[in-house]
Amino acid sequence: MHKLGVITTLLGLILSVVGLIVGFWKMLNGGENPEVWISLVPLGFVGLLLGVTLTQLSNNKQ
């Protein structure tokens, strides 16, 4: 469960950072559909929260 928590945390962090960077870059440069990229940020936060929770729960059982 610890390994799953670490993977989920990293994926959530990657989703948040990529969503912010690409979304704002497309907004500033007039690209199409920046909302799609910015909508990845809440999903990334959910992944971060889930990953940290799984990691902490696995530490309590040792």
Protein backbone atom coordinates (compact mmCIF):
# COMPACT_ATOMS: atom_id res chain seq x y z
CA MET A 1 0.00 0.00 0.00
CA HIS A 2 2.94 2.29 0.63
CA LYS A 3 4.22 1.88 -2.92
CA LEU A 4 0.76 2.67 -4.34
CA GLY A 5 0.62 5.81 -2.19
CA VAL A 6 3.99 7.01 -3.45
CA ILE A 7 3.02 6.38 -7.08
CA THR A 8 -0.33 8.16 -6.64
CA THR A 9 1.37 11.12 -4.99
CA LEU A 10 3.86 11.47 -7.83
CA LEU A 11 1.16 11.18 -10.49
CA GLY A 12 -0.94 13.81 -8.70
CA LEU A 13 2.02 16.15 -8.51
CA ILE A 14 2.80 15.67 -12.19
CA LEU A 15 -0.84 16.28 -13.19
CA SER A 16 -1.01 19.49 -11.15
CA VAL A 17 2.25 20.92 -12.45
CA VAL A 18 1.61 20.01 -16.09
CA GLY A 19 -1.95 21.32 -15.91
CA LEU A 20 -0.83 24.66 -14.50
CA ILE A 21 2.11 25.20 -16.83
CA VAL A 22 0.46 24.10 -20.09
CA GLY A 23 -2.91 25.64 -19.24
CA PHE A 24 -1.53 29.09 -18.47
CA TRP A 25 0.86 28.92 -21.43
CA LYS A 26 -2.06 28.19 -23.77
CA MET A 27 -4.13 30.97 -22.18
CA LEU A 28 -1.40 33.56 -22.60
CA ASN A 29 -0.59 32.54 -26.17
CA GLY A 30 -4.20 32.27 -27.33
CA GLY A 31 -4.20 28.51 -27.71
CA GLU A 32 -7.31 26.40 -28.03
CA ASN A 33 -8.96 24.80 -24.99
CA PRO A 34 -6.78 25.89 -22.08
CA GLU A 35 -9.66 24.81 -19.81
CA VAL A 36 -8.88 21.17 -20.54
CA TRP A 37 -5.36 21.55 -19.21
CA ILE A 38 -6.33 23.64 -16.21
CA SER A 39 -9.01 21.08 -15.31
CA LEU A 40 -6.19 18.61 -14.62
CA VAL A 41 -5.16 20.62 -11.55
CA PRO A 42 -8.06 19.52 -9.28
CA LEU A 43 -7.52 15.93 -10.36
CA GLY A 44 -3.88 16.29 -9.40
CA PHE A 45 -4.82 17.60 -5.96
CA VAL A 46 -7.13 14.63 -5.44
CA GLY A 47 -4.27 12.33 -6.44
CA LEU A 48 -1.93 14.08 -4.03
CA LEU A 49 -4.42 13.80 -1.17
CA LEU A 50 -5.12 10.14 -1.89
CA GLY A 51 -1.44 9.30 -2.20
CA VAL A 52 -0.45 11.00 1.04
CA THR A 53 -3.36 9.34 2.85
CA LEU A 54 -2.41 5.89 1.55
CA THR A 55 1.21 6.45 2.51
CA GLN A 56 0.34 7.55 6.03
CA LEU A 57 -2.09 4.69 6.55
CA SER A 58 0.53 2.17 5.51
CA ASN A 59 3.02 3.65 7.99
CA ASN A 60 0.59 3.14 10.90
CA LYS A 61 0.33 -0.60 10.30
CA GLN A 62 4.04 -1.33 10.67
